[in-house]
Amino acid sequence: MNWNSHEFIWLDWVILIVGMAAVIWAVWRAVQKDKRMQQGASSADYLFGKGEPWYIIGAAIFAANIGSEHLVGLAGTGAKSGVGMAHWEMQGWMILLLGWLFVPFYQLLNNKMGKIITMPDFLKYRYTQRTGSWLSIITLIAYILTKVSVTAYTGGIFLEFLLGLPFWYGAIGLIVLTGLFTVLSGMKGVMTLSAIQTPILIIGSFLVLFLGLSALGGGSIVTGWTEMMEHARNAMNVGADGHAYGANHMFHWSEADPMYQEYPGFWVFIGASIIGFWYWCTDQHIVQRVLGQSKGEANDVVMKRARRGSIAAGYFKILPVFMFLIPGMVAAALAAKGEFDMSNTDAAFAVMVKDVLPAGVKGIVTIGFICALVASLAAFFNSCATLFTEDFYKPMCKGKSEATYVLVGRIATVVVVILGMAWIPIMMSLGSLYDYLQGIQSLLAPAMVAVFALGIFSKRITPKAGEVGMIVGFIIGMVRLLTNIFTNTGKDVMNGWYWEYTSWFWQTNWLIFEIWLLVFLLVLMAVVSCFTPKPTAEQIEAITFTGSYKKLIRESWNKWDVIASLGVVILCALFYIYFW
């Protein structure tokens, strides 16, 4: 038997089939056990899950974030552009804000509203009904455009490169399988699958990294790292003048640098942080991972578990750069040496799996990858079901049975599956996938950040200001998206008075546009607050911590939580220093 085969052999297929059967059995057992324990529970238990241990929360946050766009897009970006995209992945410090700063606010509202809140719930409580409804609409649209369809699309590419499966078979099969999984298993199934795939994914990806570096360095990992960095420094990102600006650093300061338009100086850090703030602190499918709890559970217990789960996720979040992006850089260096053909950079990680992992291990690692794809998609599907049921159906159809609410959530999941599948062909016509994905997020994030940040940290911002900020921010973002489609993201030459007089709008660098849009919305909300009625006493009370609640917060953490959090910040800082 050729243990170093560069293709899937019979052993890999046997391990893959047996392993997936074992995963299905483990998830089924966990779901059945949970159903027996939840006899008489409400639909919120199905949608949110109950209080999981902190390490499961950390794994679930990590799994919800890791999708096929990482397996394909992040590795491909590493092969093409080096470490520039690492800004979006080195967000472990941002997850700490979720656990330390936002969880106490959300838990406070849980108590005041008598139920586990969704993010639209918060906006309805702090601002107006329309503000929360707009967030639900925007979030559902964003899930379809940037989560479900993107994950399914890149999953199809990954399965095509790795297993030789035709793209549409892989994409459609993955999204249908995940839809069925979500409908049948609920949040408990997602949590269980997350716990199973996380260690496999981490171990498998690091095997790819170390074996790839070893192959590049002739048996030495250290030599392989040196050669990879040398290739990134001298052979990547070469300008028209023949000068190698390099792809081994995260900041590109010179306008002559070909990557300056993608990663402009320090603007890239600010822009990535805005998207990170929205995603990690206010996005439903992330916040939903930490808010699960049993009825009547003590607040300090909930906050302690959520905070520690967030800290664990902070450490996990540092890993994707080493799991996917740097293996892409290794693949580029190996391809430059003629080790294998990599004409398509999106094939980087799949090619590495096939070429550097021994027979049998390929099958095990592929199990983890498939579980990651399903868990990531399932998290999006479940969050969509939660939003639709809790924020649209329940208010309109009160008094229905709990079984009806669960059924409606499942139907909403199926609808999201269909819409995600329908959007894939349209998305494929809109250019580079990763540019499309980050571009959409940069247009949605400013409104979310402005409304949530001012709503929580300022008592002067009025309800109408929040509504105006959300609506205006979304409209401006969508207008910019339309101009991106018409102008090839500002690269085409456009003729006519309209395009000439609005060039400041459609030609501005996407990250700089994102930052100025946020500034504009913050100012707009402050101005609107000067001319509209103040928030009510109840709305102010919703974001005001009493002395007893502050005491509960203090009792929910100890010095080890602080030390562990500092560890996340230090690791992120060291990475930035090394790849400055």
Protein backbone atom coordinates (compact mmCIF):
# COMPACT_ATOMS: atom_id res chain seq x y z
CA MET A 1 0.00 0.00 0.00
CA ASN A 2 1.28 3.46 -0.90
CA TRP A 3 0.93 5.34 2.40
CA ASN A 4 2.11 8.57 0.77
CA SER A 5 -0.38 8.53 -2.07
CA HIS A 6 -1.37 11.97 -3.36
CA GLU A 7 -4.92 10.78 -3.96
CA PHE A 8 -7.74 9.37 -1.86
CA ILE A 9 -7.32 5.58 -1.75
CA TRP A 10 -9.70 2.87 -0.53
CA LEU A 11 -8.49 3.22 3.08
CA ASP A 12 -9.36 6.93 3.14
CA TRP A 13 -12.84 6.23 1.79
CA VAL A 14 -13.47 3.46 4.35
CA ILE A 15 -12.37 5.72 7.21
CA LEU A 16 -14.48 8.60 5.86
CA ILE A 17 -17.65 6.49 5.59
CA VAL A 18 -17.23 4.72 8.94
CA GLY A 19 -16.23 7.95 10.66
CA MET A 20 -19.24 9.90 9.34
CA ALA A 21 -21.54 7.06 10.45
CA ALA A 22 -20.00 7.28 13.93
CA VAL A 23 -20.50 11.07 14.00
CA ILE A 24 -24.17 10.70 13.00
CA TRP A 25 -24.68 8.08 15.72
CA ALA A 26 -23.02 10.29 18.37
CA VAL A 27 -25.13 13.31 17.41
CA TRP A 28 -28.32 11.22 17.35
CA ARG A 29 -27.62 9.86 20.84
CA ALA A 30 -26.91 13.34 22.21
CA VAL A 31 -30.11 14.73 20.68
CA GLN A 32 -32.24 11.84 21.98
CA LYS A 33 -30.79 12.22 25.46
CA ASP A 34 -31.45 15.96 25.36
CA LYS A 35 -35.05 15.41 24.23
CA ARG A 36 -35.69 13.14 27.21
CA MET A 37 -34.27 15.81 29.52
CA GLN A 38 -36.34 18.57 27.89
CA GLN A 39 -39.78 17.02 28.21
CA GLY A 40 -42.20 19.94 28.45
CA ALA A 41 -39.57 22.51 27.46
CA SER A 42 -40.46 25.52 25.35
CA SER A 43 -39.50 26.38 21.77
CA ALA A 44 -36.80 28.68 23.12
CA ASP A 45 -34.96 25.58 24.37
CA TYR A 46 -34.99 24.14 20.85
CA LEU A 47 -33.85 27.39 19.31
CA PHE A 48 -31.28 28.50 21.87
CA GLY A 49 -30.22 25.32 23.65
CA LYS A 50 -29.58 25.17 27.37
CA GLY A 51 -26.53 26.17 29.34
CA GLU A 52 -23.55 24.25 27.98
CA PRO A 53 -20.14 24.03 29.74
CA TRP A 54 -17.74 26.86 28.97
CA TYR A 55 -15.45 24.68 26.83
CA ILE A 56 -18.41 23.60 24.70
CA ILE A 57 -19.40 27.25 24.28
CA GLY A 58 -15.86 28.10 23.19
CA ALA A 59 -15.82 25.22 20.71
CA ALA A 60 -19.28 26.18 19.42
CA ILE A 61 -18.24 29.81 18.83
CA PHE A 62 -15.14 28.61 17.02
CA ALA A 63 -17.09 26.09 14.94
CA ALA A 64 -19.80 28.64 14.07
CA ASN A 65 -17.08 30.93 12.75
CA ILE A 66 -15.03 28.35 10.84
CA GLY A 67 -16.67 27.57 7.55
CA SER A 68 -15.66 26.48 4.11
CA GLU A 69 -14.73 30.06 3.25
CA HIS A 70 -11.75 29.48 5.55
CA LEU A 71 -10.86 26.12 4.04
CA VAL A 72 -10.98 27.59 0.55
CA GLY A 73 -10.89 31.39 0.76
CA LEU A 74 -8.46 31.98 3.62
CA ALA A 75 -5.94 29.41 2.41
CA GLY A 76 -6.32 30.73 -1.13
CA THR A 77 -5.79 34.28 0.10
CA GLY A 78 -2.64 33.15 1.93
CA ALA A 79 -1.34 31.59 -1.29
CA LYS A 80 -2.14 34.75 -3.24
CA SER A 81 -1.59 37.65 -0.82
CA GLY A 82 0.34 36.36 2.18
CA VAL A 83 -0.64 37.48 5.68
CA GLY A 84 -2.62 40.62 4.77
CA MET A 85 -5.98 38.95 5.42
CA ALA A 86 -4.83 37.92 8.92
CA HIS A 87 -6.34 41.17 10.29
CA TRP A 88 -9.78 39.57 9.97
CA GLU A 89 -8.64 36.41 11.73
CA MET A 90 -6.64 37.88 14.61
CA GLN A 91 -9.83 38.89 16.39
CA GLY A 92 -9.40 36.90 19.58
CA TRP A 93 -9.15 40.16 21.53
CA MET A 94 -12.50 41.26 20.09
CA ILE A 95 -14.25 38.11 21.37
CA LEU A 96 -13.15 39.15 24.86
CA LEU A 97 -15.37 42.22 24.48
CA LEU A 98 -18.32 39.90 23.96
CA GLY A 99 -17.68 38.00 27.18
CA TRP A 100 -16.58 40.85 29.42
CA LEU A 101 -18.63 43.78 28.16
CA PHE A 102 -21.69 42.64 26.22
CA VAL A 103 -22.81 39.47 27.98
CA PRO A 104 -23.69 41.39 31.20
CA PHE A 105 -25.85 43.79 29.12
CA TYR A 106 -27.59 40.96 27.31
CA GLN A 107 -28.16 39.01 30.53
CA LEU A 108 -29.59 42.13 32.18
CA LEU A 109 -32.12 42.36 29.36
CA ASN A 110 -32.85 38.64 29.65
CA ASN A 111 -33.98 39.34 33.21
CA LYS A 112 -35.98 42.46 32.38
CA MET A 113 -37.78 40.88 29.45
CA GLY A 114 -38.30 37.51 31.10
CA LYS A 115 -36.82 35.54 28.21
CA ILE A 116 -33.60 34.94 26.32
CA ILE A 117 -33.30 37.88 23.96
CA THR A 118 -32.36 38.08 20.33
CA MET A 119 -30.39 41.03 19.01
CA PRO A 120 -33.53 42.58 17.47
CA ASP A 121 -35.12 42.28 20.93
CA PHE A 122 -32.44 44.57 22.31
CA LEU A 123 -32.99 47.20 19.62
CA LYS A 124 -36.77 47.09 20.05
CA TYR A 125 -36.34 47.59 23.78
CA ARG A 126 -33.69 50.33 23.53
CA TYR A 127 -34.95 52.11 20.40
CA THR A 128 -38.16 51.38 18.49
CA GLN A 129 -40.03 48.38 17.11
CA ARG A 130 -39.01 49.38 13.60
CA THR A 131 -35.32 49.41 14.55
CA GLY A 132 -35.48 45.81 15.71
CA SER A 133 -37.51 44.75 12.70
CA TRP A 134 -34.98 46.35 10.37
CA LEU A 135 -32.18 44.46 12.08
CA SER A 136 -34.05 41.18 11.64
CA ILE A 137 -34.56 41.90 7.95
CA ILE A 138 -30.94 42.99 7.42
CA THR A 139 -29.63 39.98 9.34
CA LEU A 140 -31.72 37.50 7.39
CA ILE A 141 -30.60 39.09 4.11
CA ALA A 142 -26.98 39.05 5.27
CA TYR A 143 -27.20 35.37 6.25
CA ILE A 144 -28.50 34.44 2.83
CA LEU A 145 -26.01 36.62 0.92
CA THR A 146 -22.86 36.18 3.01
CA LYS A 147 -23.29 33.08 5.15
CA VAL A 148 -25.38 30.33 3.64
CA SER A 149 -24.59 30.84 -0.05
CA VAL A 150 -20.91 31.65 0.50
CA THR A 151 -20.34 28.64 2.76
CA ALA A 152 -22.16 26.31 0.38
CA TYR A 153 -20.30 27.72 -2.63
CA THR A 154 -16.86 27.40 -1.12
CA GLY A 155 -17.79 24.00 0.30
CA GLY A 156 -18.54 22.87 -3.23
CA ILE A 157 -15.13 24.08 -4.37
CA PHE A 158 -13.36 22.35 -1.48
CA LEU A 159 -15.10 19.02 -2.08
CA GLU A 160 -14.38 19.32 -5.80
CA PHE A 161 -10.65 19.85 -5.24
CA LEU A 162 -10.31 17.29 -2.45
CA LEU A 163 -12.62 14.46 -3.50
CA GLY A 164 -13.11 15.16 -7.20
CA LEU A 165 -16.84 15.66 -6.62
CA PRO A 166 -18.50 17.89 -9.24
CA PHE A 167 -18.97 21.40 -7.84
CA TRP A 168 -22.77 21.51 -7.90
CA TYR A 169 -23.06 18.03 -6.40
CA GLY A 170 -20.89 19.13 -3.49
CA ALA A 171 -22.53 22.55 -2.97
CA ILE A 172 -26.15 21.41 -3.23
CA GLY A 173 -25.51 18.16 -1.36
CA LEU A 174 -23.83 20.03 1.50
CA ILE A 175 -26.58 22.62 1.90
CA VAL A 176 -29.40 20.05 1.72
CA LEU A 177 -27.63 17.75 4.18
CA THR A 178 -27.11 20.63 6.59
CA GLY A 179 -30.71 21.77 6.26
CA LEU A 180 -31.93 18.29 7.18
CA PHE A 181 -29.43 18.08 10.03
CA THR A 182 -30.56 21.42 11.49
CA VAL A 183 -34.26 20.65 11.20
CA LEU A 184 -33.87 17.26 12.88
CA SER A 185 -31.31 18.05 15.56
CA GLY A 186 -31.80 21.67 16.68
CA MET A 187 -29.23 23.56 18.74
CA LYS A 188 -28.13 20.45 20.68
CA GLY A 189 -27.10 18.78 17.44
CA VAL A 190 -25.12 21.85 16.39
CA MET A 191 -23.36 22.01 19.77
CA THR A 192 -22.52 18.29 19.70
CA LEU A 193 -21.20 18.41 16.15
CA SER A 194 -19.10 21.44 17.09
CA ALA A 195 -17.53 19.56 19.98
CA ILE A 196 -16.72 16.59 17.71
CA GLN A 197 -15.24 18.49 14.79
CA THR A 198 -13.20 21.09 16.65
CA PRO A 199 -10.35 18.81 17.84
CA ILE A 200 -10.26 16.93 14.52
CA LEU A 201 -10.13 20.19 12.58
CA ILE A 202 -7.40 21.69 14.75
CA ILE A 203 -5.20 18.58 14.82
CA GLY A 204 -5.69 17.89 11.11
CA SER A 205 -4.93 21.43 10.04
CA PHE A 206 -1.77 21.57 12.12
CA LEU A 207 -0.70 18.25 10.61
CA VAL A 208 -1.09 19.88 7.20
CA LEU A 209 0.94 22.88 8.39
CA PHE A 210 3.81 20.93 9.95
CA LEU A 211 4.05 18.26 7.25
CA GLY A 212 3.87 20.98 4.60
CA LEU A 213 6.68 22.94 6.25
CA SER A 214 8.66 19.72 6.55
CA ALA A 215 8.21 19.00 2.85
CA LEU A 216 9.22 22.55 1.98
CA GLY A 217 12.29 22.41 4.23
CA GLY A 218 13.51 19.00 3.15
CA GLY A 219 12.51 17.36 6.41
CA SER A 220 13.04 20.37 8.68
CA ILE A 221 10.05 22.41 9.87
CA VAL A 222 12.28 25.34 10.87
CA THR A 223 13.96 25.39 7.45
CA GLY A 224 10.53 25.15 5.83
CA TRP A 225 9.30 28.20 7.77
CA THR A 226 12.40 30.15 6.69
CA GLU A 227 11.87 29.21 3.04
CA MET A 228 8.17 30.11 3.23
CA MET A 229 8.97 33.56 4.67
CA GLU A 230 11.72 34.05 2.09
CA HIS A 231 9.30 33.24 -0.73
CA ALA A 232 6.67 35.60 0.72
CA ARG A 233 9.26 38.35 1.10
CA ASN A 234 10.93 38.14 -2.30
CA ALA A 235 8.62 36.35 -4.74
CA MET A 236 5.14 37.60 -3.82
CA ASN A 237 3.51 41.00 -4.36
CA VAL A 238 5.84 42.24 -7.08
CA GLY A 239 5.07 45.73 -8.40
CA ALA A 240 5.05 46.94 -12.00
CA ASP A 241 8.54 48.34 -11.38
CA GLY A 242 9.83 44.86 -10.62
CA HIS A 243 10.27 45.64 -6.93
CA ALA A 244 9.11 42.92 -4.51
CA TYR A 245 7.05 44.63 -1.83
CA GLY A 246 6.51 41.31 -0.13
CA ALA A 247 3.52 39.54 1.37
CA ASN A 248 5.10 38.67 4.71
CA HIS A 249 3.70 41.70 6.54
CA MET A 250 0.18 42.78 7.52
CA PHE A 251 0.50 46.50 6.83
CA HIS A 252 1.19 47.96 3.38
CA TRP A 253 2.18 51.61 3.70
CA SER A 254 3.34 52.63 0.21
CA GLU A 255 0.80 53.55 -2.46
CA ALA A 256 3.20 51.98 -4.97
CA ASP A 257 2.62 48.64 -3.24
CA PRO A 258 0.16 46.60 -5.39
CA MET A 259 -1.59 45.43 -2.20
CA TYR A 260 -2.12 48.95 -0.86
CA GLN A 261 -5.61 49.13 -2.40
CA GLU A 262 -6.63 45.95 -0.57
CA TYR A 263 -4.83 46.64 2.72
CA PRO A 264 -4.20 50.41 2.97
CA GLY A 265 -1.82 51.17 5.84
CA PHE A 266 -3.37 51.31 9.32
CA TRP A 267 -6.85 51.78 7.85
CA VAL A 268 -6.99 48.00 7.39
CA PHE A 269 -6.73 47.39 11.14
CA ILE A 270 -9.54 49.85 11.90
CA GLY A 271 -11.74 48.48 9.12
CA ALA A 272 -11.21 44.88 10.22
CA SER A 273 -12.00 45.86 13.82
CA ILE A 274 -15.32 47.44 12.80
CA ILE A 275 -16.35 44.22 11.07
CA GLY A 276 -15.05 42.24 14.04
CA PHE A 277 -17.07 44.33 16.52
CA TRP A 278 -20.25 43.71 14.56
CA TYR A 279 -19.59 40.00 14.01
CA TRP A 280 -18.34 38.97 17.44
CA CYS A 281 -20.38 41.24 19.72
CA THR A 282 -23.73 41.80 18.00
CA ASP A 283 -24.27 39.06 15.41
CA GLN A 284 -27.08 36.67 16.33
CA HIS A 285 -25.37 33.41 15.39
CA ILE A 286 -22.38 34.20 17.62
CA VAL A 287 -24.26 35.73 20.57
CA GLN A 288 -26.69 32.81 20.47
CA ARG A 289 -23.79 30.47 21.35
CA VAL A 290 -23.23 32.19 24.73
CA LEU A 291 -26.76 33.08 25.85
CA GLY A 292 -28.08 29.54 26.32
CA GLN A 293 -29.17 28.85 29.91
CA SER A 294 -31.58 26.84 32.01
CA LYS A 295 -34.66 28.57 33.38
CA GLY A 296 -34.05 30.20 36.73
CA GLU A 297 -30.30 29.85 36.49
CA ALA A 298 -28.35 32.40 38.59
CA ASN A 299 -27.07 35.42 36.66
CA ASP A 300 -23.50 35.15 37.93
CA VAL A 301 -23.38 31.48 36.84
CA VAL A 302 -24.59 32.38 33.34
CA MET A 303 -22.11 35.24 33.01
CA LYS A 304 -19.22 33.17 34.35
CA ARG A 305 -19.88 30.38 31.87
CA ALA A 306 -20.40 32.78 28.96
CA ARG A 307 -17.26 34.77 29.77
CA ARG A 308 -15.06 31.71 30.07
CA GLY A 309 -16.51 30.31 26.88
CA SER A 310 -15.66 33.60 25.15
CA ILE A 311 -12.11 33.51 26.53
CA ALA A 312 -11.70 29.95 25.24
CA ALA A 313 -13.02 31.09 21.85
CA GLY A 314 -10.45 33.92 21.93
CA TYR A 315 -7.65 31.35 22.04
CA PHE A 316 -9.33 29.25 19.37
CA LYS A 317 -9.67 32.29 17.09
CA ILE A 318 -5.89 32.72 16.95
CA LEU A 319 -5.58 29.30 15.34
CA PRO A 320 -7.17 29.79 11.85
CA VAL A 321 -4.20 31.85 10.64
CA PHE A 322 -1.96 28.84 11.31
CA MET A 323 -4.59 26.30 10.26
CA PHE A 324 -5.46 27.80 6.88
CA LEU A 325 -3.71 31.03 5.88
CA ILE A 326 -0.10 29.99 6.52
CA PRO A 327 -0.63 26.54 4.91
CA GLY A 328 -1.75 28.53 1.86
CA MET A 329 1.56 30.40 1.95
CA VAL A 330 3.39 27.06 2.26
CA ALA A 331 1.44 25.75 -0.73
CA ALA A 332 2.51 28.79 -2.79
CA ALA A 333 6.16 28.20 -1.87
CA LEU A 334 5.91 24.49 -2.71
CA ALA A 335 4.26 25.31 -6.03
CA ALA A 336 7.09 27.76 -6.80
CA LYS A 337 9.56 24.88 -6.31
CA GLY A 338 7.54 22.75 -8.73
CA GLU A 339 6.33 20.33 -6.05
CA PHE A 340 2.79 20.43 -7.42
CA ASP A 341 0.55 22.41 -9.74
CA MET A 342 -1.50 25.15 -8.09
CA SER A 343 -2.77 27.28 -10.96
CA ASN A 344 -5.91 27.98 -8.90
CA THR A 345 -5.03 29.41 -5.49
CA ASP A 346 -8.43 28.35 -4.13
CA ALA A 347 -7.14 24.79 -4.41
CA ALA A 348 -4.29 25.50 -1.97
CA PHE A 349 -5.59 23.77 1.14
CA ALA A 350 -7.23 20.83 -0.62
CA VAL A 351 -4.02 20.19 -2.56
CA MET A 352 -2.02 20.33 0.67
CA VAL A 353 -4.35 17.76 2.28
CA LYS A 354 -4.00 15.43 -0.69
CA ASP A 355 -0.23 15.87 -1.12
CA VAL A 356 1.26 16.00 2.37
CA LEU A 357 -1.02 13.82 4.55
CA PRO A 358 -0.44 10.05 4.58
CA ALA A 359 -3.16 7.60 3.56
CA GLY A 360 -5.78 7.08 6.24
CA VAL A 361 -5.07 10.42 7.88
CA LYS A 362 -6.63 12.10 4.82
CA GLY A 363 -9.89 10.34 5.61
CA ILE A 364 -9.83 11.31 9.30
CA VAL A 365 -9.05 14.95 8.54
CA THR A 366 -11.75 15.10 5.88
CA ILE A 367 -14.31 13.96 8.49
CA GLY A 368 -13.40 17.01 10.58
CA PHE A 369 -13.67 19.30 7.57
CA ILE A 370 -17.09 18.00 6.55
CA CYS A 371 -18.30 18.35 10.15
CA ALA A 372 -16.96 21.92 10.16
CA LEU A 373 -18.88 22.76 7.00
CA VAL A 374 -22.10 21.30 8.35
CA ALA A 375 -21.71 22.85 11.83
CA SER A 376 -21.01 26.30 10.36
CA LEU A 377 -23.99 26.17 8.00
CA ALA A 378 -26.20 24.67 10.69
CA ALA A 379 -25.37 27.56 13.02
CA PHE A 380 -26.55 30.02 10.37
CA PHE A 381 -29.71 28.05 9.66
CA ASN A 382 -30.57 27.78 13.34
CA SER A 383 -30.03 31.49 13.92
CA CYS A 384 -32.30 32.30 10.98
CA ALA A 385 -34.99 30.07 12.45
CA THR A 386 -34.57 31.84 15.80
CA LEU A 387 -34.85 35.31 14.31
CA PHE A 388 -37.90 34.52 12.23
CA THR A 389 -39.76 32.68 14.99
CA GLU A 390 -38.96 35.00 17.89
CA ASP A 391 -39.08 38.34 16.05
CA PHE A 392 -41.73 37.90 13.36
CA TYR A 393 -43.98 34.90 13.87
CA LYS A 394 -44.51 34.99 17.65
CA PRO A 395 -45.47 38.71 17.79
CA MET A 396 -47.90 38.24 14.89
CA CYS A 397 -49.33 34.88 16.02
CA LYS A 398 -49.51 34.86 19.77
CA GLY A 399 -50.96 31.98 21.74
CA LYS A 400 -49.87 29.20 19.41
CA SER A 401 -48.61 25.92 20.81
CA GLU A 402 -44.91 25.38 21.41
CA ALA A 403 -44.94 22.62 18.78
CA THR A 404 -46.23 25.16 16.26
CA TYR A 405 -43.43 27.60 17.04
CA VAL A 406 -40.81 24.87 16.64
CA LEU A 407 -42.41 23.80 13.33
CA VAL A 408 -42.36 27.40 12.05
CA GLY A 409 -38.67 27.63 12.97
CA ARG A 410 -38.00 24.49 10.98
CA ILE A 411 -39.96 25.78 7.98
CA ALA A 412 -37.96 29.03 8.15
CA THR A 413 -34.79 26.92 8.03
CA VAL A 414 -35.99 25.18 4.87
CA VAL A 415 -36.83 28.54 3.28
CA VAL A 416 -33.34 29.84 4.07
CA VAL A 417 -31.87 26.69 2.49
CA ILE A 418 -33.84 27.27 -0.72
CA LEU A 419 -32.96 30.97 -0.88
CA GLY A 420 -29.29 30.22 -0.23
CA MET A 421 -29.24 27.71 -3.07
CA ALA A 422 -31.03 30.12 -5.40
CA TRP A 423 -28.51 32.89 -4.70
CA ILE A 424 -25.40 30.83 -5.52
CA PRO A 425 -25.55 31.30 -9.34
CA ILE A 426 -26.07 35.06 -8.90
CA MET A 427 -23.20 35.30 -6.44
CA MET A 428 -20.89 33.42 -8.80
CA SER A 429 -21.38 36.19 -11.38
CA LEU A 430 -20.27 38.96 -8.99
CA GLY A 431 -16.51 38.39 -9.16
CA SER A 432 -13.97 37.26 -6.57
CA LEU A 433 -15.66 35.41 -3.72
CA TYR A 434 -13.52 36.69 -0.86
CA ASP A 435 -13.63 40.28 -2.11
CA TYR A 436 -17.40 39.93 -2.40
CA LEU A 437 -17.72 38.54 1.11
CA GLN A 438 -15.58 41.15 2.86
CA GLY A 439 -17.10 43.90 0.74
CA ILE A 440 -20.64 43.00 1.83
CA GLN A 441 -19.59 42.86 5.49
CA SER A 442 -17.88 46.24 5.29
CA LEU A 443 -21.14 47.79 4.06
CA LEU A 444 -23.35 46.20 6.72
CA ALA A 445 -21.09 46.57 9.76
CA PRO A 446 -21.04 50.40 10.24
CA ALA A 447 -24.80 50.70 10.86
CA MET A 448 -24.73 47.76 13.29
CA VAL A 449 -21.74 49.10 15.19
CA ALA A 450 -23.13 52.64 15.45
CA VAL A 451 -26.56 51.57 16.66
CA PHE A 452 -25.38 48.95 19.17
CA ALA A 453 -22.43 50.94 20.55
CA LEU A 454 -24.38 54.17 21.08
CA GLY A 455 -27.43 52.29 22.31
CA ILE A 456 -25.46 50.60 25.07
CA PHE A 457 -22.89 53.22 26.00
CA SER A 458 -24.92 56.43 25.67
CA LYS A 459 -28.09 57.36 27.52
CA ARG A 460 -28.54 60.49 25.38
CA ILE A 461 -29.15 58.74 22.06
CA THR A 462 -32.88 58.82 21.33
CA PRO A 463 -35.06 55.98 20.00
CA LYS A 464 -35.61 57.78 16.69
CA ALA A 465 -31.86 58.28 16.26
CA GLY A 466 -31.30 54.52 16.44
CA GLU A 467 -34.00 53.89 13.86
CA VAL A 468 -32.61 56.54 11.50
CA GLY A 469 -29.05 55.27 11.92
CA MET A 470 -30.02 51.70 11.10
CA ILE A 471 -32.12 52.56 8.05
CA VAL A 472 -29.80 55.22 6.57
CA GLY A 473 -26.71 53.07 7.12
CA PHE A 474 -28.30 50.09 5.39
CA ILE A 475 -29.51 52.16 2.43
CA ILE A 476 -26.10 53.80 1.91
CA GLY A 477 -24.44 50.40 2.11
CA MET A 478 -26.75 48.89 -0.49
CA VAL A 479 -26.29 51.88 -2.85
CA ARG A 480 -22.53 51.40 -2.58
CA LEU A 481 -23.03 47.67 -3.31
CA LEU A 482 -24.94 48.52 -6.49
CA THR A 483 -22.18 50.87 -7.63
CA ASN A 484 -19.62 48.15 -6.89
CA ILE A 485 -21.53 45.80 -9.20
CA PHE A 486 -21.78 48.40 -11.98
CA THR A 487 -18.19 49.68 -11.70
CA ASN A 488 -16.26 46.46 -10.95
CA THR A 489 -15.65 47.73 -7.40
CA GLY A 490 -14.57 51.13 -8.65
CA LYS A 491 -11.96 49.82 -11.09
CA ASP A 492 -13.79 50.48 -14.38
CA VAL A 493 -13.75 53.82 -16.19
CA MET A 494 -17.27 55.23 -16.02
CA ASN A 495 -18.50 58.02 -18.28
CA GLY A 496 -21.33 60.46 -17.64
CA TRP A 497 -22.04 63.35 -15.28
CA TYR A 498 -23.42 61.10 -12.55
CA TRP A 499 -20.30 58.98 -12.30
CA GLU A 500 -17.99 61.99 -12.52
CA TYR A 501 -19.70 63.89 -9.70
CA THR A 502 -20.02 60.83 -7.44
CA SER A 503 -16.52 59.41 -7.92
CA TRP A 504 -15.79 60.24 -4.26
CA PHE A 505 -18.52 57.75 -3.36
CA TRP A 506 -17.81 54.78 -5.61
CA GLN A 507 -14.03 55.07 -6.06
CA THR A 508 -13.08 55.44 -2.40
CA ASN A 509 -11.16 52.45 -1.03
CA TRP A 510 -13.64 50.00 0.49
CA LEU A 511 -12.09 50.04 3.97
CA ILE A 512 -11.78 53.81 4.07
CA PHE A 513 -15.41 54.06 2.88
CA GLU A 514 -16.45 51.73 5.72
CA ILE A 515 -14.70 53.87 8.34
CA TRP A 516 -16.13 57.16 7.08
CA LEU A 517 -19.59 55.61 6.86
CA LEU A 518 -19.34 54.70 10.55
CA VAL A 519 -18.22 58.23 11.45
CA PHE A 520 -21.08 59.71 9.43
CA LEU A 521 -23.66 57.49 11.16
CA LEU A 522 -22.32 58.32 14.65
CA VAL A 523 -22.61 62.04 13.88
CA LEU A 524 -26.04 61.59 12.27
CA MET A 525 -27.39 59.77 15.33
CA ALA A 526 -26.02 62.46 17.65
CA VAL A 527 -27.66 65.21 15.56
CA VAL A 528 -31.02 63.41 15.32
CA SER A 529 -30.93 62.96 19.11
CA CYS A 530 -30.86 66.74 19.53
CA PHE A 531 -34.25 67.10 17.81
CA THR A 532 -36.20 64.01 18.83
CA PRO A 533 -37.83 62.86 22.10
CA LYS A 534 -35.52 61.43 24.75
CA PRO A 535 -35.56 57.73 25.64
CA THR A 536 -38.01 56.71 28.34
CA ALA A 537 -37.02 55.86 31.88
CA GLU A 538 -37.55 52.16 31.09
CA GLN A 539 -35.19 52.35 28.12
CA ILE A 540 -32.51 54.04 30.20
CA GLU A 541 -33.01 51.52 32.97
CA ALA A 542 -32.40 48.72 30.47
CA ILE A 543 -28.76 49.79 30.07
CA THR A 544 -28.18 50.96 33.64
CA PHE A 545 -26.42 48.63 36.04
CA THR A 546 -27.65 48.79 39.64
CA GLY A 547 -25.26 48.34 42.51
CA SER A 548 -26.49 44.80 43.16
CA TYR A 549 -26.09 43.85 39.50
CA LYS A 550 -22.55 45.23 39.43
CA LYS A 551 -21.85 43.05 42.46
CA LEU A 552 -23.16 40.02 40.56
CA ILE A 553 -20.87 40.83 37.66
CA ARG A 554 -17.89 41.12 39.98
CA GLU A 555 -18.72 37.76 41.56
CA SER A 556 -18.79 36.12 38.13
CA TRP A 557 -15.05 36.46 37.50
CA ASN A 558 -11.77 35.92 39.33
CA LYS A 559 -8.07 36.55 38.73
CA TRP A 560 -7.72 33.50 36.50
CA ASP A 561 -10.30 34.90 34.09
CA VAL A 562 -8.24 38.11 33.92
CA ILE A 563 -4.97 36.22 33.42
CA ALA A 564 -6.49 34.03 30.71
CA SER A 565 -7.86 37.11 28.94
CA LEU A 566 -4.48 38.84 29.07
CA GLY A 567 -3.02 35.72 27.46
CA VAL A 568 -5.29 36.19 24.43
CA VAL A 569 -4.29 39.86 24.09
CA ILE A 570 -0.58 39.08 24.42
CA LEU A 571 -0.71 36.34 21.76
CA CYS A 572 -2.52 38.66 19.34
CA ALA A 573 0.02 41.43 20.02
CA LEU A 574 2.97 39.07 19.44
CA PHE A 575 1.52 38.00 16.10
CA TYR A 576 1.17 41.63 15.00
CA ILE A 577 4.72 42.40 16.09
CA TYR A 578 6.16 39.43 14.18
CA PHE A 579 4.25 40.14 10.96
CA TRP A 580 4.26 43.95 11.22
